[in-house]
Protein backbone atom coordinates (compact mmCIF):
# COMPACT_ATOMS: atom_id res chain seq x y z
CA UNK A 1 19.59 85.43 2.58
CA UNK A 2 15.95 85.25 3.44
CA UNK A 3 14.29 82.17 4.87
CA UNK A 4 12.34 81.68 1.66
CA UNK A 5 15.51 81.79 -0.45
CA UNK A 6 17.29 79.33 1.90
CA UNK A 7 14.36 76.98 1.55
CA UNK A 8 14.52 77.18 -2.25
CA UNK A 9 18.29 76.61 -2.26
CA UNK A 10 17.89 73.67 0.13
CA UNK A 11 15.20 71.97 -1.94
CA UNK A 12 17.14 72.60 -5.15
CA UNK A 13 20.25 71.00 -3.65
CA UNK A 14 18.21 68.09 -2.32
CA UNK A 15 16.90 67.42 -5.83
CA UNK A 16 20.06 68.18 -7.85
CA UNK A 17 22.68 66.38 -5.75
CA UNK A 18 21.24 62.87 -6.28
CA UNK A 19 20.84 63.59 -10.00
CA UNK A 20 24.45 64.78 -10.20
CA UNK A 21 25.58 61.63 -8.38
CA UNK A 22 23.68 59.37 -10.78
CA UNK A 23 25.06 61.17 -13.84
CA UNK A 24 28.58 61.23 -12.40
CA UNK A 25 28.33 57.54 -11.54
CA UNK A 26 27.41 56.72 -15.14
CA UNK A 27 30.33 58.75 -16.47
CA UNK A 28 32.73 57.08 -14.03
CA UNK A 29 31.45 53.62 -15.02
CA UNK A 30 31.81 54.34 -18.75
CA UNK A 31 35.39 55.57 -18.28
CA UNK A 32 36.40 52.71 -16.00
CA UNK A 33 35.37 49.98 -18.47
CA UNK A 34 36.44 51.71 -21.69
CA UNK A 35 39.11 49.82 -23.66
CA UNK A 36 40.94 53.05 -24.61
CA UNK A 37 44.64 52.27 -24.86
CA UNK A 38 44.18 48.50 -24.95
CA UNK A 39 45.60 46.76 -28.00
CA UNK A 40 46.72 43.42 -26.52
CA UNK A 41 45.78 40.94 -23.83
CA UNK A 42 48.79 42.15 -21.84
CA UNK A 43 47.40 45.70 -21.95
CA UNK A 44 44.10 44.34 -20.60
CA UNK A 45 45.82 42.62 -17.65
CA UNK A 46 47.93 45.71 -16.95
CA UNK A 47 44.90 47.99 -16.86
CA UNK A 48 42.07 45.82 -15.51
CA UNK A 49 43.86 42.94 -13.82
CA UNK A 50 42.68 39.38 -14.19
CA UNK A 51 39.29 39.01 -15.88
CA UNK A 52 36.45 37.25 -14.07
CA UNK A 53 36.31 34.61 -16.75
CA UNK A 54 37.77 33.76 -20.16
CA UNK A 55 35.92 31.83 -22.85
CA UNK A 56 37.13 30.54 -26.17
CA UNK A 57 34.63 31.68 -28.81
CA UNK A 58 34.41 30.61 -32.44
CA UNK A 59 33.54 33.19 -35.09
CA UNK A 60 33.91 32.78 -38.86
CA UNK A 61 36.06 29.69 -38.39
CA UNK A 62 38.53 31.47 -36.11
CA UNK A 63 39.11 31.12 -32.37
CA UNK A 64 38.92 34.15 -30.14
CA UNK A 65 39.22 34.73 -26.42
CA UNK A 66 36.40 36.59 -24.70
CA UNK A 67 37.53 38.19 -21.45
CA UNK A 68 34.64 38.88 -19.09
CA UNK A 69 35.64 41.99 -17.18
CA UNK A 70 34.94 42.98 -13.63
CA UNK A 71 32.48 45.65 -12.66
CA UNK A 72 34.01 48.71 -11.02
CA UNK A 73 33.93 48.66 -7.25
CA UNK A 74 32.68 51.46 -5.13
CA UNK A 75 29.45 53.32 -5.00
CA UNK A 76 28.69 53.23 -8.71
CA UNK A 77 25.00 53.24 -9.52
CA UNK A 78 25.43 51.91 -13.07
CA UNK A 79 23.56 48.62 -13.25
CA UNK A 80 24.44 46.73 -16.43
CA UNK A 81 22.75 43.39 -17.01
CA UNK A 82 26.15 41.78 -17.63
CA UNK A 83 29.78 42.76 -17.07
CA UNK A 84 31.72 44.14 -20.03
CA UNK A 85 33.27 41.69 -22.49
CA UNK A 86 36.50 42.18 -24.43
CA UNK A 87 37.50 39.97 -27.37
CA UNK A 88 41.07 39.10 -28.37
CA UNK A 89 42.31 37.04 -31.32
CA UNK A 90 44.64 34.02 -31.12
CA UNK A 91 47.70 36.29 -30.98
CA UNK A 92 46.24 38.34 -28.14
CA UNK A 93 45.34 41.39 -30.23
CA UNK A 94 42.27 43.34 -29.14
CA UNK A 95 39.38 42.82 -31.55
CA UNK A 96 36.23 44.33 -30.07
CA UNK A 97 34.34 44.84 -26.85
CA UNK A 98 30.82 45.28 -25.51
CA UNK A 99 29.90 47.41 -22.52
CA UNK A 100 26.84 45.26 -21.68
CA UNK A 101 26.49 41.97 -23.60
CA UNK A 102 23.20 41.27 -21.83
CA UNK A 103 21.53 44.30 -23.41
CA UNK A 104 23.12 44.37 -26.86
CA UNK A 105 21.74 41.45 -28.91
CA UNK A 106 24.01 42.15 -31.89
CA UNK A 107 27.05 41.33 -29.75
CA UNK A 108 25.76 37.86 -28.87
CA UNK A 109 24.70 37.28 -32.47
CA UNK A 110 28.34 37.65 -33.49
CA UNK A 111 30.01 36.21 -30.38
CA UNK A 112 27.71 33.30 -29.54
CA UNK A 113 27.84 31.47 -26.25
CA UNK A 114 26.95 28.11 -27.81
CA UNK A 115 29.91 25.74 -28.03
CA UNK A 116 32.15 28.03 -25.99
CA UNK A 117 34.69 26.64 -23.61
CA UNK A 118 35.80 28.29 -20.42
CA UNK A 119 39.58 28.63 -20.45
CA UNK A 120 41.72 28.16 -17.35
CA UNK A 121 43.37 31.43 -16.29
CA UNK A 122 46.77 29.72 -16.06
CA UNK A 123 46.51 28.70 -19.72
CA UNK A 124 45.51 32.24 -20.69
CA UNK A 125 48.49 33.68 -18.84
CA UNK A 126 50.81 31.16 -20.48
CA UNK A 127 49.40 31.67 -23.99
CA UNK A 128 49.80 35.44 -23.87
CA UNK A 129 53.07 35.48 -21.91
CA UNK A 130 51.59 36.96 -18.75
CA UNK A 131 53.48 35.03 -16.12
């Protein structure tokens, strides 16, 4: 390989490796927060562990539990404005989720923060049989 070709390969790698890392980081983040396979609150705890926070949210006269997830650890470059949120009904059935509630106004229009109550994690565990 000539010196000129090595230089081209070196510069190409220098440019493409950070781009590949950023793209790979985004893919990893999307997969790590996806609710695939989650149908109950128990499934959530089994897959993600304890949420950062749980709020009781009212929507259409019904009570729901909004689990605020944790951001993936590690060297992930994804920078959401808020951690993912997962919503469960009174029976603990998965209803919906949002990958970034801070950037998706339609989510907060449906699942409003006004008049929400933070729920103690012990009560959440008891309600959904997670002890």
